[in-house]
Protein backbone atom coordinates (compact mmCIF):
# COMPACT_ATOMS: atom_id res chain seq x y z
CA UNK A 1 140.78 23.09 165.06
CA UNK A 2 136.83 22.49 163.91
CA UNK A 3 136.46 23.33 160.06
CA UNK A 4 134.05 26.67 160.34
CA UNK A 5 136.89 28.18 162.75
CA UNK A 6 139.70 27.10 159.94
CA UNK A 7 137.61 28.76 156.87
CA UNK A 8 137.33 31.73 159.03
CA UNK A 9 140.72 32.04 159.97
CA UNK A 10 142.11 31.31 156.37
CA UNK A 11 139.08 34.04 155.48
CA UNK A 12 140.89 36.53 157.65
CA UNK A 13 144.38 35.61 156.36
CA UNK A 14 143.03 36.10 152.66
CA UNK A 15 140.95 39.65 153.26
CA UNK A 16 144.33 40.74 155.18
CA UNK A 17 146.55 40.35 152.64
CA UNK A 18 144.07 41.28 150.01
CA UNK A 19 144.98 44.41 147.58
CA UNK A 20 142.20 43.99 145.71
CA UNK A 21 139.23 47.04 146.46
CA UNK A 22 136.96 45.47 143.71
CA UNK A 23 137.51 41.98 145.88
CA UNK A 24 137.10 43.21 148.87
CA UNK A 25 133.66 45.78 148.26
CA UNK A 26 132.10 42.82 146.84
CA UNK A 27 132.76 41.05 150.13
CA UNK A 28 131.75 43.72 152.04
CA UNK A 29 128.18 43.92 149.92
CA UNK A 30 127.79 40.03 150.64
CA UNK A 31 127.98 40.90 154.60
CA UNK A 32 125.75 43.79 154.17
CA UNK A 33 123.09 41.91 152.58
CA UNK A 34 123.39 38.97 154.92
CA UNK A 35 123.06 41.04 157.94
CA UNK A 36 119.62 42.81 156.19
CA UNK A 37 116.32 41.26 156.71
CA UNK A 38 115.82 38.68 153.67
CA UNK A 39 111.69 39.35 153.72
CA UNK A 40 109.71 41.90 154.83
CA UNK A 41 106.98 39.87 157.08
CA UNK A 42 102.90 41.73 157.37
CA UNK A 43 101.99 41.61 161.08
CA UNK A 44 99.15 38.85 160.50
CA UNK A 45 102.46 36.84 159.26
CA UNK A 46 104.88 37.61 162.33
CA UNK A 47 101.22 36.49 164.52
CA UNK A 48 100.97 33.33 162.54
CA UNK A 49 104.82 32.23 163.09
CA UNK A 50 104.53 33.31 166.62
CA UNK A 51 101.41 30.88 167.45
CA UNK A 52 102.93 28.28 165.17
CA UNK A 53 105.87 28.58 167.59
CA UNK A 54 103.73 27.86 170.42
CA UNK A 55 101.93 25.41 169.02
CA UNK A 56 104.97 23.71 168.43
CA UNK A 57 106.34 24.42 171.72
CA UNK A 58 102.95 23.02 173.43
CA UNK A 59 103.35 19.70 171.30
CA UNK A 60 100.39 20.53 169.42
CA UNK A 61 101.78 19.34 165.78
CA UNK A 62 101.66 16.30 163.77
CA UNK A 63 105.09 14.39 162.50
CA UNK A 64 105.51 14.07 158.83
CA UNK A 65 104.94 10.20 158.93
CA UNK A 66 101.85 10.57 160.64
CA UNK A 67 100.53 13.22 158.37
CA UNK A 68 101.98 10.95 155.13
CA UNK A 69 99.98 8.05 156.34
CA UNK A 70 96.92 9.93 157.43
CA UNK A 71 96.90 11.05 153.33
CA UNK A 72 97.67 7.55 151.79
CA UNK A 73 94.75 6.34 154.08
CA UNK A 74 92.26 9.29 152.38
CA UNK A 75 93.65 8.65 149.18
CA UNK A 76 92.71 4.78 149.09
CA UNK A 77 88.94 6.26 150.16
CA UNK A 78 88.57 8.03 147.04
């Protein structure tokens, strides 16, 4: 059994056995909050994210190592 399945099984068992209403309410709050959007994005932000995803899909990006190397070269010239 993988770790995720083991943790789920353990949690399910503990929840079933619990009679502590405060504990169960706290778990319910955690589950409810994790299902909500963490951030409310504007339409412009959503569009920028979609554009970025398309650029990545089309290979229009630079690897982090390349950018760092370019920045180091640029800084040497200053």
